[in-house]
Amino acid sequence: MIVRWFGAVTVDEVVAWLEEMIAAPGFSADFDGVVDLRKANLTRMRPDEVRVVARLMVERKLTRGRWVHLTDGPAETALSMMYSRAVSEQYKMHVFSTLESAAEFLGREVATLRLIAG
């Protein structure tokens, strides 16, 4: 599963997306995924809001797969690292700046991720 965020992102948008994702008929908590934040702007998101999303993921056990955040901005990287630590007991989640590193962690071909994530 690959999710791309663009522009300013709010915690309400993330929570709404999570609710939509888990309600989708084909969704599985075993999916691996990529959250592409390279074109997102998280400067309006606060650390306590990141903890809200992390708590939701952990308490509801929304995933067991391996996930990556692709980032290239300082705010996105810092908040993603905070999120990664908060969910680390529930599932494997790492922050990367390149598709190559993300693909290696996920055990996927770089070419496949490049086709899907750009």
PDB file of N, CA and C in Angstrom:
ATOM      1  N   MET A   1       0.850  -1.163   0.000  1.00  0.00           N
ATOM      2  CA  MET A   1       0.000   0.000   0.000  1.00  0.00           C
ATOM      3  C   MET A   1       0.900   1.232   0.000  1.00  0.00           C
ATOM      4  N   ILE A   2       0.581   2.171  -0.876  1.00  0.00           N
ATOM      5  CA  ILE A   2       1.330   3.424  -0.926  1.00  0.00           C
ATOM      6  C   ILE A   2       0.361   4.580  -0.777  1.00  0.00           C
ATOM      7  N   VAL A   3       0.715   5.487   0.119  1.00  0.00           N
ATOM      8  CA  VAL A   3      -0.097   6.669   0.376  1.00  0.00           C
ATOM      9  C   VAL A   3       0.776   7.883   0.132  1.00  0.00           C
ATOM     10  N   ARG A   4       0.293   8.798  -0.675  1.00  0.00           N
ATOM     11  CA  ARG A   4       1.028  10.039  -0.927  1.00  0.00           C
ATOM     12  C   ARG A   4       0.256  11.208  -0.335  1.00  0.00           C
ATOM     13  N   TRP A   5       0.974  12.054   0.378  1.00  0.00           N
ATOM     14  CA  TRP A   5       0.387  13.270   0.926  1.00  0.00           C
ATOM     15  C   TRP A   5       1.000  14.467   0.207  1.00  0.00           C
ATOM     16  N   PHE A   6       0.163  15.471  -0.039  1.00  0.00           N
ATOM     17  CA  PHE A   6       0.591  16.677  -0.743  1.00  0.00           C
ATOM     18  C   PHE A   6       0.161  17.912   0.039  1.00  0.00           C
ATOM     19  N   GLY A   7       1.024  18.905   0.071  1.00  0.00           N
ATOM     20  CA  GLY A   7       0.679  20.169   0.707  1.00  0.00           C
ATOM     21  C   GLY A   7       0.544  20.034   2.210  1.00  0.00           C
ATOM     22  N   ALA A   8      -0.120  21.030   2.800  1.00  0.00           N
ATOM     23  CA  ALA A   8      -0.311  21.041   4.257  1.00  0.00           C
ATOM     24  C   ALA A   8      -1.214  19.872   4.667  1.00  0.00           C
ATOM     25  N   VAL A   9      -0.774  19.124   5.661  1.00  0.00           N
ATOM     26  CA  VAL A   9      -1.520  17.956   6.151  1.00  0.00           C
ATOM     27  C   VAL A   9      -1.882  18.197   7.610  1.00  0.00           C
ATOM     28  N   THR A  10      -3.137  17.923   7.945  1.00  0.00           N
ATOM     29  CA  THR A  10      -3.590  18.080   9.327  1.00  0.00           C
ATOM     30  C   THR A  10      -3.831  16.714   9.959  1.00  0.00           C
ATOM     31  N   VAL A  11      -3.841  16.680  11.274  1.00  0.00           N
ATOM     32  CA  VAL A  11      -4.099  15.439  11.985  1.00  0.00           C
ATOM     33  C   VAL A  11      -5.499  14.916  11.653  1.00  0.00           C
ATOM     34  N   ASP A  12      -6.465  15.813  11.473  1.00  0.00           N
ATOM     35  CA  ASP A  12      -7.822  15.382  11.132  1.00  0.00           C
ATOM     36  C   ASP A  12      -7.855  14.654   9.795  1.00  0.00           C
ATOM     37  N   GLU A  13      -7.061  15.113   8.832  1.00  0.00           N
ATOM     38  CA  GLU A  13      -6.996  14.441   7.538  1.00  0.00           C
ATOM     39  C   GLU A  13      -6.377  13.052   7.668  1.00  0.00           C
ATOM     40  N   VAL A  14      -5.356  12.938   8.498  1.00  0.00           N
ATOM     41  CA  VAL A  14      -4.696  11.641   8.693  1.00  0.00           C
ATOM     42  C   VAL A  14      -5.651  10.658   9.360  1.00  0.00           C
ATOM     43  N   VAL A  15      -6.334  11.096  10.391  1.00  0.00           N
ATOM     44  CA  VAL A  15      -7.287  10.220  11.086  1.00  0.00           C
ATOM     45  C   VAL A  15      -8.419   9.812  10.148  1.00  0.00           C
ATOM     46  N   ALA A  16      -8.935  10.746   9.352  1.00  0.00           N
ATOM     47  CA  ALA A  16      -9.995  10.419   8.391  1.00  0.00           C
ATOM     48  C   ALA A  16      -9.499   9.400   7.377  1.00  0.00           C
ATOM     49  N   TRP A  17      -8.253   9.556   6.903  1.00  0.00           N
ATOM     50  CA  TRP A  17      -7.698   8.593   5.953  1.00  0.00           C
ATOM     51  C   TRP A  17      -7.569   7.219   6.606  1.00  0.00           C
ATOM     52  N   LEU A  18      -7.115   7.170   7.849  1.00  0.00           N
ATOM     53  CA  LEU A  18      -6.997   5.878   8.544  1.00  0.00           C
ATOM     54  C   LEU A  18      -8.343   5.179   8.633  1.00  0.00           C
ATOM     55  N   GLU A  19      -9.377   5.918   8.996  1.00  0.00           N
ATOM     56  CA  GLU A  19     -10.722   5.339   9.094  1.00  0.00           C
ATOM     57  C   GLU A  19     -11.183   4.806   7.733  1.00  0.00           C
ATOM     58  N   GLU A  20     -10.909   5.566   6.690  1.00  0.00           N
ATOM     59  CA  GLU A  20     -11.281   5.135   5.332  1.00  0.00           C
ATOM     60  C   GLU A  20     -10.496   3.895   4.920  1.00  0.00           C
ATOM     61  N   MET A  21      -9.205   3.888   5.241  1.00  0.00           N
ATOM     62  CA  MET A  21      -8.344   2.770   4.868  1.00  0.00           C
ATOM     63  C   MET A  21      -8.823   1.472   5.507  1.00  0.00           C
ATOM     64  N   ILE A  22      -9.083   1.491   6.818  1.00  0.00           N
ATOM     65  CA  ILE A  22      -9.446   0.237   7.489  1.00  0.00           C
ATOM     66  C   ILE A  22     -10.861  -0.211   7.135  1.00  0.00           C
ATOM     67  N   ALA A  23     -11.674   0.708   6.619  1.00  0.00           N
ATOM     68  CA  ALA A  23     -13.029   0.338   6.208  1.00  0.00           C
ATOM     69  C   ALA A  23     -13.060  -0.245   4.795  1.00  0.00           C
ATOM     70  N   ALA A  24     -11.982  -0.088   4.048  1.00  0.00           N
ATOM     71  CA  ALA A  24     -11.937  -0.598   2.667  1.00  0.00           C
ATOM     72  C   ALA A  24     -12.016  -2.123   2.676  1.00  0.00           C
ATOM     73  N   PRO A  25     -12.822  -2.699   1.789  1.00  0.00           N
ATOM     74  CA  PRO A  25     -13.017  -4.158   1.792  1.00  0.00           C
ATOM     75  C   PRO A  25     -11.736  -4.962   1.617  1.00  0.00           C
ATOM     76  N   GLY A  26     -10.781  -4.468   0.864  1.00  0.00           N
ATOM     77  CA  GLY A  26      -9.562  -5.235   0.612  1.00  0.00           C
ATOM     78  C   GLY A  26      -8.444  -4.980   1.594  1.00  0.00           C
ATOM     79  N   PHE A  27      -8.688  -4.164   2.610  1.00  0.00           N
ATOM     80  CA  PHE A  27      -7.620  -3.825   3.548  1.00  0.00           C
ATOM     81  C   PHE A  27      -7.256  -5.010   4.425  1.00  0.00           C
ATOM     82  N   SER A  28      -5.962  -5.159   4.681  1.00  0.00           N
ATOM     83  CA  SER A  28      -5.472  -6.175   5.610  1.00  0.00           C
ATOM     84  C   SER A  28      -4.436  -5.542   6.526  1.00  0.00           C
ATOM     85  N   ALA A  29      -4.507  -5.841   7.794  1.00  0.00           N
ATOM     86  CA  ALA A  29      -3.517  -5.341   8.754  1.00  0.00           C
ATOM     87  C   ALA A  29      -2.127  -5.903   8.464  1.00  0.00           C
ATOM     88  N   ASP A  30      -2.051  -6.923   7.625  1.00  0.00           N
ATOM     89  CA  ASP A  30      -0.761  -7.515   7.269  1.00  0.00           C
ATOM     90  C   ASP A  30      -0.060  -6.787   6.129  1.00  0.00           C
ATOM     91  N   PHE A  31      -0.724  -5.821   5.501  1.00  0.00           N
ATOM     92  CA  PHE A  31      -0.102  -5.073   4.406  1.00  0.00           C
ATOM     93  C   PHE A  31       1.163  -4.372   4.877  1.00  0.00           C
ATOM     94  N   ASP A  32       2.163  -4.346   3.998  1.00  0.00           N
ATOM     95  CA  ASP A  32       3.299  -3.452   4.156  1.00  0.00           C
ATOM     96  C   ASP A  32       2.918  -2.158   3.450  1.00  0.00           C
ATOM     97  N   GLY A  33       3.588  -1.056   3.806  1.00  0.00           N
ATOM     98  CA  GLY A  33       3.196   0.184   3.163  1.00  0.00           C
ATOM     99  C   GLY A  33       4.249   1.261   3.158  1.00  0.00           C
ATOM    100  N   VAL A  34       3.984   2.241   2.299  1.00  0.00           N
ATOM    101  CA  VAL A  34       4.829   3.419   2.161  1.00  0.00           C
ATOM    102  C   VAL A  34       3.947   4.643   2.332  1.00  0.00           C
ATOM    103  N   VAL A  35       4.362   5.536   3.218  1.00  0.00           N
ATOM    104  CA  VAL A  35       3.709   6.831   3.365  1.00  0.00           C
ATOM    105  C   VAL A  35       4.688   7.845   2.787  1.00  0.00           C
ATOM    106  N   ASP A  36       4.342   8.383   1.629  1.00  0.00           N
ATOM    107  CA  ASP A  36       5.223   9.306   0.914  1.00  0.00           C
ATOM    108  C   ASP A  36       4.902  10.734   1.340  1.00  0.00           C
ATOM    109  N   LEU A  37       5.819  11.304   2.101  1.00  0.00           N
ATOM    110  CA  LEU A  37       5.651  12.666   2.617  1.00  0.00           C
ATOM    111  C   LEU A  37       6.562  13.662   1.905  1.00  0.00           C
ATOM    112  N   ARG A  38       7.157  13.254   0.790  1.00  0.00           N
ATOM    113  CA  ARG A  38       8.130  14.112   0.124  1.00  0.00           C
ATOM    114  C   ARG A  38       7.527  15.396  -0.440  1.00  0.00           C
ATOM    115  N   LYS A  39       6.235  15.409  -0.704  1.00  0.00           N
ATOM    116  CA  LYS A  39       5.576  16.625  -1.194  1.00  0.00           C
ATOM    117  C   LYS A  39       4.571  17.165  -0.183  1.00  0.00           C
ATOM    118  N   ALA A  40       4.686  16.675   1.044  1.00  0.00           N
ATOM    119  CA  ALA A  40       3.787  17.108   2.113  1.00  0.00           C
ATOM    120  C   ALA A  40       4.453  18.198   2.939  1.00  0.00           C
ATOM    121  N   ASN A  41       3.605  18.922   3.646  1.00  0.00           N
ATOM    122  CA  ASN A  41       4.085  19.956   4.557  1.00  0.00           C
ATOM    123  C   ASN A  41       3.441  19.681   5.919  1.00  0.00           C
ATOM    124  N   LEU A  42       4.260  19.241   6.868  1.00  0.00           N
ATOM    125  CA  LEU A  42       3.759  18.913   8.204  1.00  0.00           C
ATOM    126  C   LEU A  42       4.095  19.993   9.230  1.00  0.00           C
ATOM    127  N   THR A  43       4.473  21.177   8.781  1.00  0.00           N
ATOM    128  CA  THR A  43       4.897  22.220   9.713  1.00  0.00           C
ATOM    129  C   THR A  43       3.773  22.687  10.635  1.00  0.00           C
ATOM    130  N   ARG A  44       2.535  22.456  10.259  1.00  0.00           N
ATOM    131  CA  ARG A  44       1.413  22.837  11.122  1.00  0.00           C
ATOM    132  C   ARG A  44       1.041  21.741  12.122  1.00  0.00           C
ATOM    133  N   MET A  45       1.601  20.564  11.950  1.00  0.00           N
ATOM    134  CA  MET A  45       1.276  19.450  12.843  1.00  0.00           C
ATOM    135  C   MET A  45       2.169  19.516  14.078  1.00  0.00           C
ATOM    136  N   ARG A  46       1.565  19.292  15.220  1.00  0.00           N
ATOM    137  CA  ARG A  46       2.288  19.363  16.494  1.00  0.00           C
ATOM    138  C   ARG A  46       2.643  17.951  16.980  1.00  0.00           C
ATOM    139  N   PRO A  47       3.688  17.852  17.794  1.00  0.00           N
ATOM    140  CA  PRO A  47       4.074  16.538  18.331  1.00  0.00           C
ATOM    141  C   PRO A  47       2.935  15.814  19.042  1.00  0.00           C
ATOM    142  N   ASP A  48       2.099  16.531  19.794  1.00  0.00           N
ATOM    143  CA  ASP A  48       0.999  15.859  20.492  1.00  0.00           C
ATOM    144  C   ASP A  48      -0.002  15.271  19.502  1.00  0.00           C
ATOM    145  N   GLU A  49      -0.136  15.875  18.322  1.00  0.00           N
ATOM    146  CA  GLU A  49      -1.029  15.320  17.303  1.00  0.00           C
ATOM    147  C   GLU A  49      -0.439  14.052  16.695  1.00  0.00           C
ATOM    148  N   VAL A  50       0.869  14.015  16.553  1.00  0.00           N
ATOM    149  CA  VAL A  50       1.532  12.801  16.069  1.00  0.00           C
ATOM    150  C   VAL A  50       1.306  11.666  17.061  1.00  0.00           C
ATOM    151  N   ARG A  51       1.376  11.983  18.336  1.00  0.00           N
ATOM    152  CA  ARG A  51       1.142  10.961  19.363  1.00  0.00           C
ATOM    153  C   ARG A  51      -0.300  10.445  19.318  1.00  0.00           C
ATOM    154  N   VAL A  52      -1.251  11.303  18.978  1.00  0.00           N
ATOM    155  CA  VAL A  52      -2.653  10.877  18.844  1.00  0.00           C
ATOM    156  C   VAL A  52      -2.772   9.829  17.739  1.00  0.00           C
ATOM    157  N   VAL A  53      -2.153  10.086  16.592  1.00  0.00           N
ATOM    158  CA  VAL A  53      -2.207   9.135  15.472  1.00  0.00           C
ATOM    159  C   VAL A  53      -1.517   7.836  15.863  1.00  0.00           C
ATOM    160  N   ALA A  54      -0.362   7.939  16.489  1.00  0.00           N
ATOM    161  CA  ALA A  54       0.369   6.733  16.914  1.00  0.00           C
ATOM    162  C   ALA A  54      -0.453   5.920  17.904  1.00  0.00           C
ATOM    163  N   ARG A  55      -1.069   6.589  18.856  1.00  0.00           N
ATOM    164  CA  ARG A  55      -1.895   5.891  19.851  1.00  0.00           C
ATOM    165  C   ARG A  55      -3.061   5.171  19.179  1.00  0.00           C
ATOM    166  N   LEU A  56      -3.683   5.813  18.201  1.00  0.00           N
ATOM    167  CA  LEU A  56      -4.774   5.197  17.446  1.00  0.00           C
ATOM    168  C   LEU A  56      -4.294   3.928  16.749  1.00  0.00           C
ATOM    169  N   MET A  57      -3.149   4.006  16.108  1.00  0.00           N
ATOM    170  CA  MET A  57      -2.599   2.839  15.398  1.00  0.00           C
ATOM    171  C   MET A  57      -2.314   1.691  16.358  1.00  0.00           C
ATOM    172  N   VAL A  58      -1.731   1.998  17.496  1.00  0.00           N
ATOM    173  CA  VAL A  58      -1.338   0.963  18.454  1.00  0.00           C
ATOM    174  C   VAL A  58      -2.547   0.387  19.177  1.00  0.00           C
ATOM    175  N   GLU A  59      -3.411   1.245  19.705  1.00  0.00           N
ATOM    176  CA  GLU A  59      -4.555   0.763  20.477  1.00  0.00           C
ATOM    177  C   GLU A  59      -5.519  -0.063  19.637  1.00  0.00           C
ATOM    178  N   ARG A  60      -5.689   0.319  18.377  1.00  0.00           N
ATOM    179  CA  ARG A  60      -6.618  -0.413  17.510  1.00  0.00           C
ATOM    180  C   ARG A  60      -5.926  -1.502  16.708  1.00  0.00           C
ATOM    181  N   LYS A  61      -4.618  -1.645  16.904  1.00  0.00           N
ATOM    182  CA  LYS A  61      -3.832  -2.681  16.205  1.00  0.00           C
ATOM    183  C   LYS A  61      -4.127  -2.672  14.700  1.00  0.00           C
ATOM    184  N   LEU A  62      -3.969  -1.491  14.100  1.00  0.00           N
ATOM    185  CA  LEU A  62      -4.338  -1.307  12.701  1.00  0.00           C
ATOM    186  C   LEU A  62      -3.377  -1.937  11.709  1.00  0.00           C
ATOM    187  N   THR A  63      -2.170  -2.258  12.147  1.00  0.00           N
ATOM    188  CA  THR A  63      -1.247  -2.897  11.229  1.00  0.00           C
ATOM    189  C   THR A  63      -0.285  -3.818  11.961  1.00  0.00           C
ATOM    190  N   ARG A  64       0.161  -4.826  11.216  1.00  0.00           N
ATOM    191  CA  ARG A  64       1.214  -5.726  11.676  1.00  0.00           C
ATOM    192  C   ARG A  64       2.335  -5.758  10.647  1.00  0.00           C
ATOM    193  N   GLY A  65       2.125  -5.064   9.532  1.00  0.00           N
ATOM    194  CA  GLY A  65       3.097  -5.062   8.443  1.00  0.00           C
ATOM    195  C   GLY A  65       4.283  -4.160   8.715  1.00  0.00           C
ATOM    196  N   ARG A  66       5.135  -4.055   7.715  1.00  0.00           N
ATOM    197  CA  ARG A  66       6.281  -3.146   7.777  1.00  0.00           C
ATOM    198  C   ARG A  66       5.923  -1.897   6.983  1.00  0.00           C
ATOM    199  N   TRP A  67       6.188  -0.747   7.556  1.00  0.00           N
ATOM    200  CA  TRP A  67       5.845   0.522   6.919  1.00  0.00           C
ATOM    201  C   TRP A  67       7.050   1.446   6.901  1.00  0.00           C
ATOM    202  N   VAL A  68       7.086   2.293   5.887  1.00  0.00           N
ATOM    203  CA  VAL A  68       8.126   3.316   5.805  1.00  0.00           C
ATOM    204  C   VAL A  68       7.478   4.672   5.563  1.00  0.00           C
ATOM    205  N   HIS A  69       8.129   5.692   6.071  1.00  0.00           N
ATOM    206  CA  HIS A  69       7.801   7.063   5.718  1.00  0.00           C
ATOM    207  C   HIS A  69       8.941   7.551   4.834  1.00  0.00           C
ATOM    208  N   LEU A  70       8.616   8.041   3.639  1.00  0.00           N
ATOM    209  CA  LEU A  70       9.596   8.675   2.773  1.00  0.00           C
ATOM    210  C   LEU A  70       9.519  10.173   3.036  1.00  0.00           C
ATOM    211  N   THR A  71      10.628  10.762   3.440  1.00  0.00           N
ATOM    212  CA  THR A  71      10.629  12.177   3.784  1.00  0.00           C
ATOM    213  C   THR A  71      11.831  12.872   3.171  1.00  0.00           C
ATOM    214  N   ASP A  72      11.711  14.179   3.026  1.00  0.00           N
ATOM    215  CA  ASP A  72      12.880  14.960   2.626  1.00  0.00           C
ATOM    216  C   ASP A  72      12.923  16.338   3.273  1.00  0.00           C
ATOM    217  N   GLY A  73      11.974  16.636   4.133  1.00  0.00           N
ATOM    218  CA  GLY A  73      11.967  17.914   4.840  1.00  0.00           C
ATOM    219  C   GLY A  73      12.251  17.711   6.308  1.00  0.00           C
ATOM    220  N   PRO A  74      12.765  18.740   6.988  1.00  0.00           N
ATOM    221  CA  PRO A  74      13.109  18.582   8.409  1.00  0.00           C
ATOM    222  C   PRO A  74      11.906  18.316   9.311  1.00  0.00           C
ATOM    223  N   ALA A  75      10.798  19.010   9.110  1.00  0.00           N
ATOM    224  CA  ALA A  75       9.618  18.789   9.961  1.00  0.00           C
ATOM    225  C   ALA A  75       9.057  17.393   9.736  1.00  0.00           C
ATOM    226  N   GLU A  76       8.983  16.985   8.476  1.00  0.00           N
ATOM    227  CA  GLU A  76       8.436  15.668   8.141  1.00  0.00           C
ATOM    228  C   GLU A  76       9.316  14.553   8.706  1.00  0.00           C
ATOM    229  N   THR A  77      10.620  14.748   8.626  1.00  0.00           N
ATOM    230  CA  THR A  77      11.551  13.749   9.157  1.00  0.00           C
ATOM    231  C   THR A  77      11.449  13.664  10.677  1.00  0.00           C
ATOM    232  N   ALA A  78      11.457  14.809  11.343  1.00  0.00           N
ATOM    233  CA  ALA A  78      11.396  14.820  12.815  1.00  0.00           C
ATOM    234  C   ALA A  78      10.099  14.198  13.326  1.00  0.00           C
ATOM    235  N   LEU A  79       8.969  14.582  12.738  1.00  0.00           N
ATOM    236  CA  LEU A  79       7.684  14.041  13.194  1.00  0.00           C
ATOM    237  C   LEU A  79       7.564  12.555  12.864  1.00  0.00           C
ATOM    238  N   SER A  80       8.114  12.156  11.731  1.00  0.00           N
ATOM    239  CA  SER A  80       8.095  10.731  11.362  1.00  0.00           C
ATOM    240  C   SER A  80       8.942   9.907  12.320  1.00  0.00           C
ATOM    241  N   MET A  81      10.085  10.443  12.725  1.00  0.00           N
ATOM    242  CA  MET A  81      10.928   9.730  13.700  1.00  0.00           C
ATOM    243  C   MET A  81      10.207   9.600  15.039  1.00  0.00           C
ATOM    244  N   MET A  82       9.515  10.650  15.445  1.00  0.00           N
ATOM    245  CA  MET A  82       8.739  10.607  16.683  1.00  0.00           C
ATOM    246  C   MET A  82       7.645   9.544  16.576  1.00  0.00           C
ATOM    247  N   TYR A  83       6.958   9.513  15.457  1.00  0.00           N
ATOM    248  CA  TYR A  83       5.902   8.527  15.217  1.00  0.00           C
ATOM    249  C   TYR A  83       6.490   7.112  15.243  1.00  0.00           C
ATOM    250  N   SER A  84       7.616   6.940  14.575  1.00  0.00           N
ATOM    251  CA  SER A  84       8.265   5.630  14.513  1.00  0.00           C
ATOM    252  C   SER A  84       8.556   5.082  15.911  1.00  0.00           C
ATOM    253  N   ARG A  85       9.081   5.930  16.767  1.00  0.00           N
ATOM    254  CA  ARG A  85       9.364   5.490  18.143  1.00  0.00           C
ATOM    255  C   ARG A  85       8.073   5.141  18.881  1.00  0.00           C
ATOM    256  N   ALA A  86       7.024   5.909  18.648  1.00  0.00           N
ATOM    257  CA  ALA A  86       5.763   5.699  19.371  1.00  0.00           C
ATOM    258  C   ALA A  86       5.069   4.393  18.987  1.00  0.00           C
ATOM    259  N   VAL A  87       5.275   3.920  17.769  1.00  0.00           N
ATOM    260  CA  VAL A  87       4.588   2.699  17.322  1.00  0.00           C
ATOM    261  C   VAL A  87       5.507   1.482  17.282  1.00  0.00           C
ATOM    262  N   SER A  88       6.743   1.635  17.698  1.00  0.00           N
ATOM    263  CA  SER A  88       7.752   0.586  17.510  1.00  0.00           C
ATOM    264  C   SER A  88       7.415  -0.743  18.176  1.00  0.00           C
ATOM    265  N   GLU A  89       6.626  -0.727  19.233  1.00  0.00           N
ATOM    266  CA  GLU A  89       6.268  -1.994  19.877  1.00  0.00           C
ATOM    267  C   GLU A  89       5.167  -2.727  19.118  1.00  0.00           C
ATOM    268  N   GLN A  90       4.396  -2.005  18.304  1.00  0.00           N
ATOM    269  CA  GLN A  90       3.277  -2.586  17.566  1.00  0.00           C
ATOM    270  C   GLN A  90       3.703  -3.131  16.196  1.00  0.00           C
ATOM    271  N   TYR A  91       4.493  -2.344  15.473  1.00  0.00           N
ATOM    272  CA  TYR A  91       4.903  -2.768  14.141  1.00  0.00           C
ATOM    273  C   TYR A  91       6.195  -2.077  13.731  1.00  0.00           C
ATOM    274  N   LYS A  92       6.825  -2.643  12.690  1.00  0.00           N
ATOM    275  CA  LYS A  92       8.095  -2.105  12.209  1.00  0.00           C
ATOM    276  C   LYS A  92       7.822  -0.926  11.277  1.00  0.00           C
ATOM    277  N   MET A  93       8.370   0.212  11.630  1.00  0.00           N
ATOM    278  CA  MET A  93       8.192   1.427  10.838  1.00  0.00           C
ATOM    279  C   MET A  93       9.501   2.199  10.872  1.00  0.00           C
ATOM    280  N   HIS A  94      10.002   2.543   9.692  1.00  0.00           N
ATOM    281  CA  HIS A  94      11.250   3.290   9.599  1.00  0.00           C
ATOM    282  C   HIS A  94      11.077   4.485   8.675  1.00  0.00           C
ATOM    283  N   VAL A  95      11.980   5.435   8.818  1.00  0.00           N
ATOM    284  CA  VAL A  95      11.954   6.664   8.037  1.00  0.00           C
ATOM    285  C   VAL A  95      13.143   6.639   7.081  1.00  0.00           C
ATOM    286  N   PHE A  96      12.869   6.903   5.802  1.00  0.00           N
ATOM    287  CA  PHE A  96      13.919   6.918   4.786  1.00  0.00           C
ATOM    288  C   PHE A  96      13.751   8.139   3.889  1.00  0.00           C
ATOM    289  N   SER A  97      14.844   8.511   3.241  1.00  0.00           N
ATOM    290  CA  SER A  97      14.788   9.624   2.298  1.00  0.00           C
ATOM    291  C   SER A  97      14.902   9.147   0.852  1.00  0.00           C
ATOM    292  N   THR A  98      15.148   7.851   0.645  1.00  0.00           N
ATOM    293  CA  THR A  98      15.270   7.335  -0.726  1.00  0.00           C
ATOM    294  C   THR A  98      14.398   6.100  -0.925  1.00  0.00           C
ATOM    295  N   LEU A  99      13.936   5.940  -2.160  1.00  0.00           N
ATOM    296  CA  LEU A  99      13.170   4.739  -2.509  1.00  0.00           C
ATOM    297  C   LEU A  99      14.021   3.487  -2.376  1.00  0.00           C
ATOM    298  N   GLU A 100      15.308   3.608  -2.669  1.00  0.00           N
ATOM    299  CA  GLU A 100      16.198   2.454  -2.600  1.00  0.00           C
ATOM    300  C   GLU A 100      16.253   1.891  -1.177  1.00  0.00           C
ATOM    301  N   SER A 101      16.397   2.770  -0.204  1.00  0.00           N
ATOM    302  CA  SER A 101      16.443   2.321   1.193  1.00  0.00           C
ATOM    303  C   SER A 101      15.099   1.752   1.642  1.00  0.00           C
ATOM    304  N   ALA A 102      14.033   2.407   1.221  1.00  0.00           N
ATOM    305  CA  ALA A 102      12.692   1.925   1.567  1.00  0.00           C
ATOM    306  C   ALA A 102      12.450   0.541   0.977  1.00  0.00           C
ATOM    307  N   ALA A 103      12.828   0.360  -0.285  1.00  0.00           N
ATOM    308  CA  ALA A 103      12.635  -0.928  -0.957  1.00  0.00           C
ATOM    309  C   ALA A 103      13.418  -2.036  -0.257  1.00  0.00           C
ATOM    310  N   GLU A 104      14.638  -1.733   0.136  1.00  0.00           N
ATOM    311  CA  GLU A 104      15.456  -2.728   0.828  1.00  0.00           C
ATOM    312  C   GLU A 104      14.799  -3.147   2.139  1.00  0.00           C
ATOM    313  N   PHE A 105      14.338  -2.186   2.928  1.00  0.00           N
ATOM    314  CA  PHE A 105      13.685  -2.488   4.200  1.00  0.00           C
ATOM    315  C   PHE A 105      12.426  -3.334   3.988  1.00  0.00           C
ATOM    316  N   LEU A 106      11.651  -3.000   2.950  1.00  0.00           N
ATOM    317  CA  LEU A 106      10.399  -3.712   2.681  1.00  0.00           C
ATOM    318  C   LEU A 106      10.604  -5.031   1.938  1.00  0.00           C
ATOM    319  N   GLY A 107      11.824  -5.265   1.449  1.00  0.00           N
ATOM    320  CA  GLY A 107      12.084  -6.481   0.681  1.00  0.00           C
ATOM    321  C   GLY A 107      11.402  -6.456  -0.678  1.00  0.00           C
ATOM    322  N   ARG A 108      11.331  -5.269  -1.274  1.00  0.00           N
ATOM    323  CA  ARG A 108      10.692  -5.089  -2.573  1.00  0.00           C
ATOM    324  C   ARG A 108      11.716  -4.597  -3.589  1.00  0.00           C
ATOM    325  N   GLU A 109      11.399  -4.762  -4.854  1.00  0.00           N
ATOM    326  CA  GLU A 109      12.251  -4.257  -5.916  1.00  0.00           C
ATOM    327  C   GLU A 109      12.128  -2.738  -5.997  1.00  0.00           C
ATOM    328  N   VAL A 110      13.251  -2.057  -6.160  1.00  0.00           N
ATOM    329  CA  VAL A 110      13.247  -0.599  -6.278  1.00  0.00           C
ATOM    330  C   VAL A 110      12.417  -0.184  -7.472  1.00  0.00           C
ATOM    331  N   ALA A 111      12.539  -0.909  -8.579  1.00  0.00           N
ATOM    332  CA  ALA A 111      11.802  -0.555  -9.794  1.00  0.00           C
ATOM    333  C   ALA A 111      10.295  -0.581  -9.561  1.00  0.00           C
ATOM    334  N   THR A 112       9.839  -1.540  -8.772  1.00  0.00           N
ATOM    335  CA  THR A 112       8.400  -1.621  -8.463  1.00  0.00           C
ATOM    336  C   THR A 112       7.954  -0.413  -7.675  1.00  0.00           C
ATOM    337  N   LEU A 113       8.702  -0.062  -6.629  1.00  0.00           N
ATOM    338  CA  LEU A 113       8.341   1.122  -5.841  1.00  0.00           C
ATOM    339  C   LEU A 113       8.400   2.385  -6.690  1.00  0.00           C
ATOM    340  N   ARG A 114       9.394   2.467  -7.561  1.00  0.00           N
ATOM    341  CA  ARG A 114       9.528   3.651  -8.401  1.00  0.00           C
ATOM    342  C   ARG A 114       8.317   3.786  -9.330  1.00  0.00           C
ATOM    343  N   LEU A 115       7.839   2.678  -9.857  1.00  0.00           N
ATOM    344  CA  LEU A 115       6.653   2.716 -10.724  1.00  0.00           C
ATOM    345  C   LEU A 115       5.419   3.198  -9.958  1.00  0.00           C
ATOM    346  N   ILE A 116       5.306   2.758  -8.732  1.00  0.00           N
ATOM    347  CA  ILE A 116       4.115   3.082  -7.950  1.00  0.00           C
ATOM    348  C   ILE A 116       4.234   4.442  -7.263  1.00  0.00           C
ATOM    349  N   ALA A 117       5.379   4.689  -6.627  1.00  0.00           N
ATOM    350  CA  ALA A 117       5.540   5.908  -5.830  1.00  0.00           C
ATOM    351  C   ALA A 117       6.143   7.062  -6.595  1.00  0.00           C
ATOM    352  N   GLY A 118       6.720   6.781  -7.739  1.00  0.00           N
ATOM    353  CA  GLY A 118       7.304   7.876  -8.530  1.00  0.00           C
ATOM    354  C   GLY A 118       8.698   8.246  -8.129  1.00  0.00           C
TER     355      GLY A 118
END
